[in-house]
C-alpha atoms as a PDB file:
ATOM      1  CA  MET A   1     -13.536  12.426 -13.455  1.00  0.00           C
ATOM      2  CA  GLY A   2      -9.857  11.487 -13.429  1.00  0.00           C
ATOM      3  CA  ALA A   3      -6.965  13.705 -12.336  1.00  0.00           C
ATOM      4  CA  ILE A   4      -5.955  14.560 -15.920  1.00  0.00           C
ATOM      5  CA  GLU A   5      -9.517  15.511 -16.835  1.00  0.00           C
ATOM      6  CA  LEU A   6      -9.779  17.678 -13.716  1.00  0.00           C
ATOM      7  CA  MET A   7      -6.524  19.446 -14.578  1.00  0.00           C
ATOM      8  CA  GLY A   8      -7.784  19.989 -18.131  1.00  0.00           C
ATOM      9  CA  VAL A   9     -11.090  21.421 -16.880  1.00  0.00           C
ATOM     10  CA  ALA A  10      -9.298  23.709 -14.401  1.00  0.00           C
ATOM     11  CA  ALA A  11      -6.812  24.920 -17.028  1.00  0.00           C
ATOM     12  CA  SER A  12      -9.504  25.457 -19.669  1.00  0.00           C
ATOM     13  CA  LEU A  13     -11.777  27.375 -17.300  1.00  0.00           C
ATOM     14  CA  SER A  14      -8.885  29.551 -16.111  1.00  0.00           C
ATOM     15  CA  LEU A  15      -7.852  30.352 -19.681  1.00  0.00           C
ATOM     16  CA  LEU A  16     -11.461  31.092 -20.693  1.00  0.00           C
ATOM     17  CA  ALA A  17     -11.899  33.295 -17.603  1.00  0.00           C
ATOM     18  CA  GLY A  18      -9.255  35.599 -19.068  1.00  0.00           C
ATOM     19  CA  TRP A  19     -11.667  36.269 -21.954  1.00  0.00           C
ATOM     20  CA  ARG A  20     -15.123  35.955 -20.398  1.00  0.00           C
ATOM     21  CA  LEU A  21     -14.921  35.677 -16.602  1.00  0.00           C
ATOM     22  CA  TYR A  22     -18.569  36.321 -15.824  1.00  0.00           C
ATOM     23  CA  ALA A  23     -19.781  33.764 -18.364  1.00  0.00           C
ATOM     24  CA  CYS A  24     -17.359  31.228 -16.879  1.00  0.00           C
ATOM     25  CA  VAL A  25     -18.539  31.849 -13.316  1.00  0.00           C
ATOM     26  CA  ALA A  26     -22.191  31.589 -14.350  1.00  0.00           C
ATOM     27  CA  ALA A  27     -21.559  28.421 -16.376  1.00  0.00           C
ATOM     28  CA  VAL A  28     -19.540  26.742 -13.604  1.00  0.00           C
ATOM     29  CA  GLY A  29     -22.148  27.737 -11.013  1.00  0.00           C
ATOM     30  CA  ILE A  30     -24.920  26.248 -13.128  1.00  0.00           C
ATOM     31  CA  ALA A  31     -22.818  23.130 -13.801  1.00  0.00           C
ATOM     32  CA  MET A  32     -22.221  22.679 -10.070  1.00  0.00           C
ATOM     33  CA  ARG A  33     -25.886  23.306  -9.285  1.00  0.00           C
ATOM     34  CA  VAL A  34     -27.141  20.665 -11.746  1.00  0.00           C
ATOM     35  CA  GLY A  35     -24.356  18.199 -10.889  1.00  0.00           C
ATOM     36  CA  LEU A  36     -22.140  18.388 -13.994  1.00  0.00           C
ATOM     37  CA  LEU A  37     -19.157  19.385 -11.819  1.00  0.00           C
ATOM     38  CA  ASP A  38     -18.641  17.703  -8.447  1.00  0.00           C
ATOM     39  CA  LEU A  39     -17.293  20.067  -5.836  1.00  0.00           C
ATOM     40  CA  PRO A  40     -14.181  18.736  -4.084  1.00  0.00           C
ATOM     41  CA  ASP A  41     -14.877  17.885  -0.422  1.00  0.00           C
ATOM     42  CA  LYS A  42     -11.886  19.858   0.847  1.00  0.00           C
ATOM     43  CA  ILE A  43     -13.012  23.126  -0.764  1.00  0.00           C
ATOM     44  CA  ALA A  44     -16.704  23.150   0.102  1.00  0.00           C
ATOM     45  CA  ALA A  45     -16.586  26.930   0.637  1.00  0.00           C
ATOM     46  CA  LEU A  46     -16.431  27.407  -3.141  1.00  0.00           C
ATOM     47  CA  ASP A  47     -19.901  25.907  -3.310  1.00  0.00           C
ATOM     48  CA  VAL A  48     -20.863  29.598  -3.291  1.00  0.00           C
ATOM     49  CA  LEU A  49     -20.472  29.531  -7.096  1.00  0.00           C
ATOM     50  CA  ALA A  50     -23.661  27.434  -7.267  1.00  0.00           C
ATOM     51  CA  ASN A  51     -25.636  30.005  -5.256  1.00  0.00           C
ATOM     52  CA  PRO A  52     -28.492  31.438  -7.355  1.00  0.00           C
ATOM     53  CA  TRP A  53     -27.483  34.986  -6.402  1.00  0.00           C
ATOM     54  CA  VAL A  54     -23.897  34.440  -7.547  1.00  0.00           C
ATOM     55  CA  ILE A  55     -25.134  32.861 -10.776  1.00  0.00           C
ATOM     56  CA  GLY A  56     -27.521  35.800 -11.287  1.00  0.00           C
ATOM     57  CA  VAL A  57     -24.860  38.453 -10.659  1.00  0.00           C
ATOM     58  CA  ALA A  58     -22.435  36.610 -12.956  1.00  0.00           C
ATOM     59  CA  ALA A  59     -25.127  36.428 -15.652  1.00  0.00           C
ATOM     60  CA  VAL A  60     -25.729  40.195 -15.393  1.00  0.00           C
ATOM     61  CA  GLY A  61     -21.952  40.741 -15.613  1.00  0.00           C
ATOM     62  CA  ALA A  62     -21.790  38.454 -18.667  1.00  0.00           C
ATOM     63  CA  ILE A  63     -24.532  40.460 -20.404  1.00  0.00           C
ATOM     64  CA  ALA A  64     -22.795  43.762 -19.567  1.00  0.00           C
ATOM     65  CA  GLU A  65     -19.512  42.352 -20.869  1.00  0.00           C
ATOM     66  CA  LEU A  66     -21.217  41.122 -24.035  1.00  0.00           C
ATOM     67  CA  PHE A  67     -22.264  44.675 -24.889  1.00  0.00           C
ATOM     68  CA  ALA A  68     -19.207  46.546 -23.545  1.00  0.00           C
ATOM     69  CA  ASP A  69     -16.952  44.290 -25.570  1.00  0.00           C
ATOM     70  CA  LYS A  70     -18.588  45.332 -28.854  1.00  0.00           C
ATOM     71  CA  VAL A  71     -17.897  49.068 -28.510  1.00  0.00           C
ATOM     72  CA  MET A  72     -14.516  50.319 -29.692  1.00  0.00           C
ATOM     73  CA  TRP A  73     -12.347  51.688 -26.857  1.00  0.00           C
ATOM     74  CA  LEU A  74     -15.020  50.831 -24.257  1.00  0.00           C
ATOM     75  CA  ASP A  75     -13.747  47.250 -24.622  1.00  0.00           C
ATOM     76  CA  THR A  76     -10.198  48.426 -23.828  1.00  0.00           C
ATOM     77  CA  LEU A  77     -11.440  50.334 -20.778  1.00  0.00           C
ATOM     78  CA  TRP A  78     -13.404  47.235 -19.679  1.00  0.00           C
ATOM     79  CA  ASP A  79     -10.286  45.083 -20.140  1.00  0.00           C
ATOM     80  CA  GLY A  80      -8.208  47.560 -18.135  1.00  0.00           C
ATOM     81  CA  VAL A  81     -10.631  47.429 -15.209  1.00  0.00           C
ATOM     82  CA  HIS A  82     -10.642  43.622 -15.354  1.00  0.00           C
ATOM     83  CA  THR A  83      -6.869  43.169 -15.399  1.00  0.00           C
ATOM     84  CA  LEU A  84      -6.945  42.266 -11.710  1.00  0.00           C
ATOM     85  CA  ILE A  85     -10.424  40.725 -11.606  1.00  0.00           C
ATOM     86  CA  ARG A  86     -10.039  38.092 -14.353  1.00  0.00           C
ATOM     87  CA  PRO A  87      -6.825  36.481 -13.004  1.00  0.00           C
ATOM     88  CA  LEU A  88      -8.318  36.278  -9.526  1.00  0.00           C
ATOM     89  CA  GLY A  89     -11.478  34.743 -10.983  1.00  0.00           C
ATOM     90  CA  GLY A  90      -9.443  32.258 -13.012  1.00  0.00           C
ATOM     91  CA  ALA A  91      -7.512  31.261  -9.896  1.00  0.00           C
ATOM     92  CA  LEU A  92     -10.701  30.721  -7.910  1.00  0.00           C
ATOM     93  CA  LEU A  93     -12.253  28.700 -10.735  1.00  0.00           C
ATOM     94  CA  ALA A  94      -9.178  26.439 -10.766  1.00  0.00           C
ATOM     95  CA  LEU A  95      -9.560  25.961  -7.001  1.00  0.00           C
ATOM     96  CA  ALA A  96     -13.249  25.154  -7.453  1.00  0.00           C
ATOM     97  CA  VAL A  97     -12.386  22.260  -9.757  1.00  0.00           C
ATOM     98  CA  ILE A  98      -9.207  20.772  -8.241  1.00  0.00           C
ATOM     99  CA  ASP A  99      -9.317  18.837  -4.975  1.00  0.00           C
ATOM    100  CA  ALA A 100      -6.263  20.423  -3.443  1.00  0.00           C
ATOM    101  CA  SER A 101      -6.156  18.993   0.075  1.00  0.00           C
ATOM    102  CA  ASP A 102      -2.488  19.906   0.558  1.00  0.00           C
ATOM    103  CA  PRO A 103      -2.010  23.665   1.232  1.00  0.00           C
ATOM    104  CA  ALA A 104       1.076  23.757  -1.016  1.00  0.00           C
ATOM    105  CA  TRP A 105      -0.950  22.232  -3.868  1.00  0.00           C
ATOM    106  CA  GLN A 106      -3.749  24.760  -3.217  1.00  0.00           C
ATOM    107  CA  VAL A 107      -1.278  27.621  -3.622  1.00  0.00           C
ATOM    108  CA  ALA A 108       0.164  26.037  -6.788  1.00  0.00           C
ATOM    109  CA  VAL A 109      -3.320  25.572  -8.320  1.00  0.00           C
ATOM    110  CA  PHE A 110      -4.278  29.132  -7.347  1.00  0.00           C
ATOM    111  CA  LEU A 111      -1.120  30.585  -8.939  1.00  0.00           C
ATOM    112  CA  LEU A 112      -1.371  28.471 -12.097  1.00  0.00           C
ATOM    113  CA  GLY A 113      -5.064  29.285 -12.551  1.00  0.00           C
ATOM    114  CA  GLY A 114      -4.425  32.986 -12.033  1.00  0.00           C
ATOM    115  CA  GLY A 115      -1.418  32.901 -14.342  1.00  0.00           C
ATOM    116  CA  ALA A 116      -3.410  31.169 -17.087  1.00  0.00           C
ATOM    117  CA  ALA A 117      -6.216  33.731 -16.801  1.00  0.00           C
ATOM    118  CA  LEU A 118      -3.728  36.610 -16.825  1.00  0.00           C
ATOM    119  CA  LEU A 119      -2.007  35.173 -19.907  1.00  0.00           C
ATOM    120  CA  SER A 120      -5.252  34.842 -21.868  1.00  0.00           C
ATOM    121  CA  HIS A 121      -6.458  38.236 -20.615  1.00  0.00           C
ATOM    122  CA  GLY A 122      -3.206  39.827 -21.800  1.00  0.00           C
ATOM    123  CA  ALA A 123      -3.580  38.221 -25.221  1.00  0.00           C
ATOM    124  CA  LYS A 124      -7.188  39.399 -25.476  1.00  0.00           C
ATOM    125  CA  ALA A 125      -6.433  42.941 -24.316  1.00  0.00           C
ATOM    126  CA  GLY A 126      -3.414  43.233 -26.635  1.00  0.00           C
ATOM    127  CA  ALA A 127      -5.337  41.939 -29.639  1.00  0.00           C
ATOM    128  CA  ARG A 128      -8.230  44.287 -28.933  1.00  0.00           C
ATOM    129  CA  ALA A 129      -5.891  47.286 -28.585  1.00  0.00           C
ATOM    130  CA  ALA A 130      -4.404  46.433 -31.968  1.00  0.00           C
ATOM    131  CA  VAL A 131      -7.856  46.002 -33.533  1.00  0.00           C
ATOM    132  CA  ASN A 132      -9.025  49.314 -32.038  1.00  0.00           C
ATOM    133  CA  ALA A 133      -6.227  51.062 -33.930  1.00  0.00           C
ATOM    134  CA  SER A 134      -8.042  50.312 -37.200  1.00  0.00           C
ATOM    135  CA  PRO A 135     -10.321  53.169 -38.286  1.00  0.00           C
ATOM    136  CA  GLU A 136     -13.454  51.121 -39.023  1.00  0.00           C
ATOM    137  CA  PRO A 137     -15.686  49.753 -36.240  1.00  0.00           C
ATOM    138  CA  PHE A 138     -16.638  46.416 -37.806  1.00  0.00           C
ATOM    139  CA  SER A 139     -13.409  44.535 -37.059  1.00  0.00           C
ATOM    140  CA  ASN A 140     -13.961  45.179 -33.348  1.00  0.00           C
ATOM    141  CA  MET A 141     -17.444  43.647 -33.458  1.00  0.00           C
ATOM    142  CA  ALA A 142     -16.198  40.689 -35.505  1.00  0.00           C
ATOM    143  CA  VAL A 143     -13.352  39.942 -33.085  1.00  0.00           C
ATOM    144  CA  SER A 144     -15.667  40.296 -30.084  1.00  0.00           C
ATOM    145  CA  THR A 145     -18.223  37.941 -31.644  1.00  0.00           C
ATOM    146  CA  ALA A 146     -15.481  35.414 -32.402  1.00  0.00           C
ATOM    147  CA  GLU A 147     -14.391  35.618 -28.735  1.00  0.00           C
ATOM    148  CA  ASP A 148     -18.013  35.051 -27.647  1.00  0.00           C
ATOM    149  CA  VAL A 149     -18.391  31.986 -29.858  1.00  0.00           C
ATOM    150  CA  ALA A 150     -14.999  30.555 -28.825  1.00  0.00           C
ATOM    151  CA  SER A 151     -15.662  31.162 -25.123  1.00  0.00           C
ATOM    152  CA  LEU A 152     -19.173  29.719 -25.089  1.00  0.00           C
ATOM    153  CA  GLY A 153     -18.159  26.801 -27.307  1.00  0.00           C
ATOM    154  CA  GLY A 154     -15.149  26.079 -25.107  1.00  0.00           C
ATOM    155  CA  LEU A 155     -17.247  26.289 -21.950  1.00  0.00           C
ATOM    156  CA  TRP A 156     -19.872  23.959 -23.375  1.00  0.00           C
ATOM    157  CA  LEU A 157     -17.248  21.444 -24.500  1.00  0.00           C
ATOM    158  CA  VAL A 158     -15.314  21.500 -21.216  1.00  0.00           C
ATOM    159  CA  LEU A 159     -18.398  21.172 -19.015  1.00  0.00           C
ATOM    160  CA  THR A 160     -20.186  18.508 -21.072  1.00  0.00           C
ATOM    161  CA  GLN A 161     -17.144  16.544 -22.295  1.00  0.00           C
ATOM    162  CA  PRO A 162     -14.460  16.721 -19.580  1.00  0.00           C
ATOM    163  CA  ALA A 163     -12.360  14.164 -21.479  1.00  0.00           C
ATOM    164  CA  ALA A 164     -11.831  16.817 -24.176  1.00  0.00           C
ATOM    165  CA  ALA A 165     -10.773  19.476 -21.637  1.00  0.00           C
ATOM    166  CA  VAL A 166      -7.032  18.796 -21.972  1.00  0.00           C
ATOM    167  CA  GLY A 167      -7.279  19.261 -25.733  1.00  0.00           C
ATOM    168  CA  VAL A 168      -9.274  22.462 -25.239  1.00  0.00           C
ATOM    169  CA  ALA A 169      -6.634  23.770 -22.804  1.00  0.00           C
ATOM    170  CA  VAL A 170      -3.786  23.013 -25.223  1.00  0.00           C
ATOM    171  CA  PHE A 171      -5.707  24.629 -28.095  1.00  0.00           C
ATOM    172  CA  LEU A 172      -6.391  27.727 -25.974  1.00  0.00           C
ATOM    173  CA  VAL A 173      -2.717  28.045 -25.022  1.00  0.00           C
ATOM    174  CA  VAL A 174      -1.756  27.905 -28.713  1.00  0.00           C
ATOM    175  CA  VAL A 175      -4.389  30.543 -29.573  1.00  0.00           C
ATOM    176  CA  VAL A 176      -3.213  32.767 -26.724  1.00  0.00           C
ATOM    177  CA  VAL A 177       0.442  32.524 -27.786  1.00  0.00           C
ATOM    178  CA  VAL A 178      -0.466  33.294 -31.419  1.00  0.00           C
ATOM    179  CA  LEU A 179      -2.562  36.279 -30.291  1.00  0.00           C
ATOM    180  CA  LEU A 180       0.261  37.597 -28.112  1.00  0.00           C
ATOM    181  CA  ILE A 181       2.786  37.343 -30.955  1.00  0.00           C
ATOM    182  CA  ALA A 182       0.392  38.880 -33.505  1.00  0.00           C
ATOM    183  CA  SER A 183      -0.564  41.719 -31.147  1.00  0.00           C
ATOM    184  CA  TRP A 184       3.060  42.465 -30.378  1.00  0.00           C
ATOM    185  CA  ARG A 185       3.931  42.606 -34.081  1.00  0.00           C
ATOM    186  CA  MET A 186       0.896  44.746 -34.951  1.00  0.00           C
ATOM    187  CA  LEU A 187       1.608  47.221 -32.176  1.00  0.00           C
ATOM    188  CA  ALA A 188       5.307  47.363 -33.112  1.00  0.00           C
ATOM    189  CA  ALA A 189       4.390  48.034 -36.744  1.00  0.00           C
ATOM    190  CA  LEU A 190       1.931  50.721 -35.679  1.00  0.00           C
ATOM    191  CA  ARG A 191       4.570  52.342 -33.464  1.00  0.00           C
ATOM    192  CA  ARG A 192       7.077  52.360 -36.369  1.00  0.00           C
ATOM    193  CA  TRP A 193       4.449  53.823 -38.707  1.00  0.00           C
ATOM    194  CA  MET A 194       3.527  56.582 -36.232  1.00  0.00           C
ATOM    195  CA  SER A 195       7.080  57.513 -35.259  1.00  0.00           C
ATOM    196  CA  PRO A 196       8.512  60.607 -37.000  1.00  0.00           C
ATOM    197  CA  ARG A 197      10.747  59.846 -39.899  1.00  0.00           C
ATOM    198  CA  ALA A 198      14.190  61.435 -40.031  1.00  0.00           C
END
């Protein structure tokens, strides 16, 4: 895998971790275990992601998240709890992919991975808060299912076709920016609608 592909994989996994961290950890652990992702020599400690116990715990977390994410307001509570966890996970996933032998580069990769995960997490949490404001429960389930399909599809594409990872990362950034703008506008409109009229 070339440097650009590695950067694309790291960016894509960090962005996807902001939506579905546990699924990302389980998928990366399995990919490392079966040899789809080569672990950089300088960061052998992150080989822990391929440990069967870590994969198992991440799989249980992914299943819990799958169900918690379908229930209105429970998804917002789940997102609130994971506001610190997802960025840290995204940062560690970026470190697991990039061979950052220079300590300054390690810090840069860690910060960029965490920032990408925080950005996508913020877009997800904002969109879900806006969707939860609607009175019917079906939009929440539809949005959650779309996130599941996008996350699993993105993970599959990134891990099986690393050459496409840069395109996936760019696409995810565009989706995240659109979600942030749409969420901001929906919440602003809701705030105007709920404010007392003079």
